[in-house]
Protein backbone atom coordinates (compact mmCIF):
# COMPACT_ATOMS: atom_id res chain seq x y z
CA MET A 1 208.08 54.25 -111.39
CA MET A 2 209.20 50.41 -112.45
CA ILE A 3 209.24 49.62 -116.43
CA PHE A 4 207.94 46.35 -117.71
CA GLY A 5 207.76 45.48 -121.41
CA GLY A 6 207.57 48.93 -122.00
CA VAL A 7 204.77 50.13 -119.85
CA GLY A 8 205.60 51.88 -116.34
CA PHE A 9 203.64 50.71 -113.67
CA ASP A 10 203.86 52.28 -109.84
CA ALA A 11 204.06 50.20 -106.70
CA LEU A 12 199.69 50.31 -106.46
CA SER A 13 199.14 48.95 -109.82
CA LEU A 14 201.71 46.01 -109.43
CA GLU A 15 199.84 45.01 -106.32
CA ALA A 16 196.64 44.55 -108.68
CA VAL A 17 198.43 42.55 -110.87
CA GLN A 18 199.18 40.34 -108.73
CA ARG A 19 195.86 40.73 -106.50
CA ALA A 20 194.95 39.46 -110.48
CA CYS A 21 197.35 37.04 -111.07
CA ALA A 22 196.19 35.46 -107.41
CA ALA A 23 192.35 35.09 -108.34
CA LEU A 24 192.88 33.91 -111.77
CA PHE A 25 194.84 31.36 -109.83
CA VAL A 26 192.04 30.56 -107.71
CA PHE A 27 189.81 30.80 -110.40
CA ALA A 28 191.94 27.96 -112.72
CA LEU A 29 192.00 25.51 -109.59
CA PHE A 30 187.82 25.64 -109.60
CA VAL A 31 187.65 25.46 -112.73
CA GLU A 32 190.27 22.08 -112.44
CA ILE A 33 188.72 20.82 -109.02
CA SER A 34 185.01 20.67 -110.42
CA GLY A 35 186.17 19.35 -113.91
CA CYS A 36 187.18 16.08 -111.81
CA VAL A 37 184.56 13.04 -112.55
CA GLN A 38 184.69 9.67 -111.42
CA THR A 39 185.74 7.01 -113.88
CA GLU A 40 182.72 5.16 -114.60
CA PRO A 41 182.57 3.20 -117.79
CA TYR A 42 180.12 4.71 -120.44
CA ARG A 43 178.86 1.52 -122.46
CA LEU A 44 177.57 -0.79 -120.23
CA THR A 45 176.22 -3.52 -121.18
CA ALA A 46 177.36 -6.49 -122.58
CA ALA A 47 178.00 -7.85 -125.76
CA ALA A 48 176.39 -10.94 -125.00
CA GLU A 49 173.48 -9.14 -123.35
CA SER A 50 173.17 -6.44 -126.99
CA GLN A 51 170.69 -7.53 -129.65
CA GLY A 52 169.32 -6.48 -132.28
CA ILE A 53 170.63 -4.43 -135.40
CA CYS A 54 172.00 -0.78 -134.32
CA ASP A 55 171.61 0.78 -138.06
CA PRO A 56 172.07 4.64 -137.89
CA ASP A 57 170.05 6.88 -139.21
CA GLU A 58 170.63 9.27 -142.02
CA TYR A 59 172.03 11.89 -139.95
CA GLY A 60 174.53 8.99 -138.53
CA THR A 61 172.87 8.70 -135.41
CA VAL A 62 172.10 5.30 -133.84
CA GLN A 63 168.75 4.49 -131.46
CA SER A 64 169.01 5.70 -127.74
CA ALA A 65 168.92 1.76 -126.54
CA CYS A 66 172.26 1.30 -129.02
CA GLU A 67 174.27 3.80 -126.85
CA LYS A 68 175.42 1.59 -123.85
CA TYR A 69 176.22 -1.29 -126.21
CA VAL A 70 179.66 -2.40 -125.98
CA ARG A 71 179.19 -4.09 -129.18
CA GLU A 72 177.07 -1.92 -131.80
CA ARG A 73 175.77 -4.54 -134.74
CA ALA A 74 174.62 -3.22 -137.90
CA THR A 75 174.08 -4.26 -140.98
CA HIS A 76 177.33 -3.54 -142.92
CA TYR A 77 179.86 -2.74 -139.81
CA ASP A 78 180.22 -4.53 -136.15
CA LEU A 79 181.66 -2.06 -133.95
CA LEU A 80 183.25 -2.84 -130.70
CA PHE A 81 183.95 -0.70 -127.91
CA ALA A 82 187.23 -0.82 -125.35
CA GLU A 83 186.67 1.38 -122.51
CA PHE A 84 190.48 2.47 -119.66
CA ASP A 85 190.64 3.75 -116.28
CA ASP A 86 192.28 7.16 -116.01
CA GLN A 87 195.09 4.60 -115.38
CA GLY A 88 195.66 2.49 -118.38
CA TRP A 89 193.17 -0.53 -117.01
CA ALA A 90 190.29 -1.69 -118.89
CA ASN A 91 187.19 -1.30 -117.28
CA ASN A 92 185.67 -3.83 -116.32
CA CYS A 93 187.82 -6.29 -117.82
CA ARG A 94 186.62 -9.83 -116.04
CA LYS A 95 182.88 -8.94 -115.87
CA ARG A 96 182.83 -8.82 -120.16
CA THR A 97 182.24 -11.63 -122.07
CA ILE A 98 184.62 -12.47 -125.53
CA PRO A 99 182.10 -11.41 -129.03
CA SER A 100 181.26 -14.07 -130.80
């Protein structure tokens, strides 16, 4: 019997612990691989194309049409978004226009 951290393990239970660790590793690998997604920009409507005022409601939610705008215009603020890919480059920077 081996003593590990004050708890006794025989050879059979040590193998069970090693199998459990291997299963946990495979599960963690599966979760990490399944969590991979493509890096696509979320806000696709260019600032020049975004029209209208996107005032939030009483809960702070804007209209669904405003969710894809690069520039969110409201009565009391203008909110601009910049998105970057996984390497730190601006997403679709050549396609965007500078808002006026």
